[in-house]
């Protein structure tokens, strides 16, 4: 037979282990709850940022389209100046050189009409 003192020590050790296991389980559950709250918070934050950025880009879209149309017009005008410089060398050396443009022949110029959208 075992010693009653040893049985008592085993009971105390078993009780202490169960208590520690219970505390560990509580810590793990609290950690899981905190992780879920953190994940949900980050998700809500990213969703809000996405909505705000979509609104901003929607507001800027008309301005960007207008700017692209103006850019196409400027490219067409620059092509006309380059065509003119092909037949006028003084204009090419005095004016176009300041802007880093070179004269081009009429056949090598880009189309002056923008493609339809």
C-alpha atoms as a PDB file:
ATOM      1  CA  UNK A   1       0.000   0.000   0.000  1.00  0.00           C
ATOM      2  CA  UNK A   2       1.010   3.483  -0.661  1.00  0.00           C
ATOM      3  CA  UNK A   3       1.802   5.991   1.946  1.00  0.00           C
ATOM      4  CA  UNK A   4      -1.095   8.356   2.810  1.00  0.00           C
ATOM      5  CA  UNK A   5       1.331  11.292   2.730  1.00  0.00           C
ATOM      6  CA  UNK A   6       2.273  10.449  -0.851  1.00  0.00           C
ATOM      7  CA  UNK A   7      -1.404  10.210  -1.800  1.00  0.00           C
ATOM      8  CA  UNK A   8      -2.013  13.633  -0.290  1.00  0.00           C
ATOM      9  CA  UNK A   9       0.965  15.098  -2.195  1.00  0.00           C
ATOM     10  CA  UNK A  10      -0.277  13.517  -5.425  1.00  0.00           C
ATOM     11  CA  UNK A  11      -3.747  14.983  -4.849  1.00  0.00           C
ATOM     12  CA  UNK A  12      -2.225  18.445  -4.255  1.00  0.00           C
ATOM     13  CA  UNK A  13      -0.054  18.160  -7.363  1.00  0.00           C
ATOM     14  CA  UNK A  14      -3.034  17.014  -9.433  1.00  0.00           C
ATOM     15  CA  UNK A  15      -5.136  19.891  -8.099  1.00  0.00           C
ATOM     16  CA  UNK A  16      -2.355  22.384  -8.886  1.00  0.00           C
ATOM     17  CA  UNK A  17      -2.009  21.003 -12.431  1.00  0.00           C
ATOM     18  CA  UNK A  18      -5.752  21.257 -13.030  1.00  0.00           C
ATOM     19  CA  UNK A  19      -5.719  24.828 -11.740  1.00  0.00           C
ATOM     20  CA  UNK A  20      -2.825  25.747 -14.037  1.00  0.00           C
ATOM     21  CA  UNK A  21      -4.540  24.046 -16.968  1.00  0.00           C
ATOM     22  CA  UNK A  22      -7.693  26.046 -16.282  1.00  0.00           C
ATOM     23  CA  UNK A  23      -5.704  29.303 -16.128  1.00  0.00           C
ATOM     24  CA  UNK A  24      -3.909  28.444 -19.363  1.00  0.00           C
ATOM     25  CA  UNK A  25      -7.226  27.696 -21.067  1.00  0.00           C
ATOM     26  CA  UNK A  26      -8.578  31.081 -19.882  1.00  0.00           C
ATOM     27  CA  UNK A  27      -5.487  32.876 -21.190  1.00  0.00           C
ATOM     28  CA  UNK A  28      -5.818  31.134 -24.536  1.00  0.00           C
ATOM     29  CA  UNK A  29      -9.514  32.024 -24.824  1.00  0.00           C
ATOM     30  CA  UNK A  30      -8.777  35.662 -23.968  1.00  0.00           C
ATOM     31  CA  UNK A  31      -5.955  35.711 -26.519  1.00  0.00           C
ATOM     32  CA  UNK A  32      -8.286  34.290 -29.150  1.00  0.00           C
ATOM     33  CA  UNK A  33     -10.949  36.871 -28.330  1.00  0.00           C
ATOM     34  CA  UNK A  34      -8.364  39.673 -28.537  1.00  0.00           C
ATOM     35  CA  UNK A  35      -7.097  38.368 -31.858  1.00  0.00           C
ATOM     36  CA  UNK A  36     -10.628  38.258 -33.263  1.00  0.00           C
ATOM     37  CA  UNK A  37     -11.312  41.814 -32.089  1.00  0.00           C
ATOM     38  CA  UNK A  38      -8.028  43.009 -33.608  1.00  0.00           C
ATOM     39  CA  UNK A  39      -8.749  41.256 -36.905  1.00  0.00           C
ATOM     40  CA  UNK A  40     -12.264  42.700 -37.060  1.00  0.00           C
ATOM     41  CA  UNK A  41     -10.960  46.189 -36.287  1.00  0.00           C
ATOM     42  CA  UNK A  42      -8.346  46.019 -39.031  1.00  0.00           C
ATOM     43  CA  UNK A  43     -10.953  44.696 -41.453  1.00  0.00           C
ATOM     44  CA  UNK A  44     -13.330  47.558 -40.669  1.00  0.00           C
ATOM     45  CA  UNK A  45     -10.488  50.075 -41.010  1.00  0.00           C
ATOM     46  CA  UNK A  46      -9.452  48.682 -44.411  1.00  0.00           C
ATOM     47  CA  UNK A  47     -13.063  48.630 -45.600  1.00  0.00           C
ATOM     48  CA  UNK A  48     -13.474  52.270 -44.587  1.00  0.00           C
ATOM     49  CA  UNK A  49     -10.242  53.223 -46.355  1.00  0.00           C
ATOM     50  CA  UNK A  50     -11.404  51.398 -49.492  1.00  0.00           C
ATOM     51  CA  UNK A  51     -14.716  53.264 -49.480  1.00  0.00           C
ATOM     52  CA  UNK A  52     -12.994  56.633 -48.990  1.00  0.00           C
ATOM     53  CA  UNK A  53     -10.449  55.992 -51.743  1.00  0.00           C
ATOM     54  CA  UNK A  54     -13.178  54.865 -54.141  1.00  0.00           C
ATOM     55  CA  UNK A  55     -15.072  58.100 -53.471  1.00  0.00           C
ATOM     56  CA  UNK A  56     -11.918  60.166 -54.043  1.00  0.00           C
ATOM     57  CA  UNK A  57     -11.050  58.393 -57.277  1.00  0.00           C
ATOM     58  CA  UNK A  58     -14.635  58.753 -58.520  1.00  0.00           C
ATOM     59  CA  UNK A  59     -14.437  62.488 -57.823  1.00  0.00           C
ATOM     60  CA  UNK A  60     -11.120  62.788 -59.674  1.00  0.00           C
ATOM     61  CA  UNK A  61     -12.112  60.708 -62.697  1.00  0.00           C
ATOM     62  CA  UNK A  62     -13.776  63.559 -64.674  1.00  0.00           C
ATOM     63  CA  UNK A  63     -10.771  65.814 -64.092  1.00  0.00           C
ATOM     64  CA  UNK A  64      -8.387  63.073 -65.206  1.00  0.00           C
ATOM     65  CA  UNK A  65     -10.395  62.407 -68.374  1.00  0.00           C
ATOM     66  CA  UNK A  66     -10.447  66.131 -69.191  1.00  0.00           C
ATOM     67  CA  UNK A  67      -6.688  66.294 -68.627  1.00  0.00           C
ATOM     68  CA  UNK A  68      -6.136  63.327 -70.959  1.00  0.00           C
ATOM     69  CA  UNK A  69      -8.215  65.020 -73.668  1.00  0.00           C
ATOM     70  CA  UNK A  70      -6.192  68.225 -73.286  1.00  0.00           C
ATOM     71  CA  UNK A  71      -2.975  66.215 -73.451  1.00  0.00           C
ATOM     72  CA  UNK A  72      -4.103  64.603 -76.700  1.00  0.00           C
ATOM     73  CA  UNK A  73      -4.840  68.058 -78.105  1.00  0.00           C
ATOM     74  CA  UNK A  74      -1.399  69.312 -77.053  1.00  0.00           C
ATOM     75  CA  UNK A  75       0.301  66.331 -78.672  1.00  0.00           C
ATOM     76  CA  UNK A  76      -1.609  67.030 -81.879  1.00  0.00           C
ATOM     77  CA  UNK A  77      -0.552  70.699 -81.816  1.00  0.00           C
ATOM     78  CA  UNK A  78       3.073  69.769 -81.086  1.00  0.00           C
ATOM     79  CA  UNK A  79       3.000  67.400 -84.068  1.00  0.00           C
ATOM     80  CA  UNK A  80       1.823  70.268 -86.271  1.00  0.00           C
ATOM     81  CA  UNK A  81       4.718  72.426 -85.057  1.00  0.00           C
ATOM     82  CA  UNK A  82       7.136  69.586 -85.770  1.00  0.00           C
ATOM     83  CA  UNK A  83       5.715  69.197 -89.288  1.00  0.00           C
ATOM     84  CA  UNK A  84       6.107  72.933 -89.845  1.00  0.00           C
ATOM     85  CA  UNK A  85       9.713  72.753 -88.626  1.00  0.00           C
ATOM     86  CA  UNK A  86      10.497  70.102 -91.233  1.00  0.00           C
ATOM     87  CA  UNK A  87      10.130  72.733 -93.947  1.00  0.00           C
ATOM     88  CA  UNK A  88      11.475  75.678 -91.900  1.00  0.00           C
ATOM     89  CA  UNK A  89      14.929  74.877 -90.455  1.00  0.00           C
ATOM     90  CA  UNK A  90      15.277  78.246 -88.701  1.00  0.00           C
ATOM     91  CA  UNK A  91      12.109  77.505 -86.683  1.00  0.00           C
ATOM     92  CA  UNK A  92      13.444  74.050 -85.826  1.00  0.00           C
ATOM     93  CA  UNK A  93      16.788  75.333 -84.540  1.00  0.00           C
ATOM     94  CA  UNK A  94      15.456  78.409 -82.725  1.00  0.00           C
ATOM     95  CA  UNK A  95      12.132  77.279 -81.269  1.00  0.00           C
ATOM     96  CA  UNK A  96      11.751  73.491 -81.197  1.00  0.00           C
ATOM     97  CA  UNK A  97      15.273  72.944 -79.862  1.00  0.00           C
ATOM     98  CA  UNK A  98      14.316  74.858 -76.698  1.00  0.00           C
ATOM     99  CA  UNK A  99      11.644  72.249 -75.959  1.00  0.00           C
ATOM    100  CA  UNK A 100      13.688  69.232 -76.977  1.00  0.00           C
ATOM    101  CA  UNK A 101      11.551  68.525 -80.045  1.00  0.00           C
ATOM    102  CA  UNK A 102      12.842  67.568 -83.465  1.00  0.00           C
ATOM    103  CA  UNK A 103      11.215  68.266 -86.796  1.00  0.00           C
ATOM    104  CA  UNK A 104       9.378  65.379 -88.410  1.00  0.00           C
ATOM    105  CA  UNK A 105       8.021  64.834 -91.891  1.00  0.00           C
ATOM    106  CA  UNK A 106       4.302  64.952 -92.481  1.00  0.00           C
ATOM    107  CA  UNK A 107       4.157  61.200 -93.072  1.00  0.00           C
ATOM    108  CA  UNK A 108       5.867  60.355 -89.748  1.00  0.00           C
ATOM    109  CA  UNK A 109       3.627  62.596 -87.636  1.00  0.00           C
ATOM    110  CA  UNK A 110       1.123  60.978 -85.265  1.00  0.00           C
ATOM    111  CA  UNK A 111      -2.522  61.225 -86.215  1.00  0.00           C
ATOM    112  CA  UNK A 112      -3.915  64.568 -85.126  1.00  0.00           C
ATOM    113  CA  UNK A 113      -7.389  63.224 -84.393  1.00  0.00           C
ATOM    114  CA  UNK A 114      -7.885  61.373 -81.128  1.00  0.00           C
ATOM    115  CA  UNK A 115      -9.417  57.880 -81.275  1.00  0.00           C
ATOM    116  CA  UNK A 116     -13.089  57.659 -80.373  1.00  0.00           C
ATOM    117  CA  UNK A 117     -13.999  56.204 -77.003  1.00  0.00           C
END
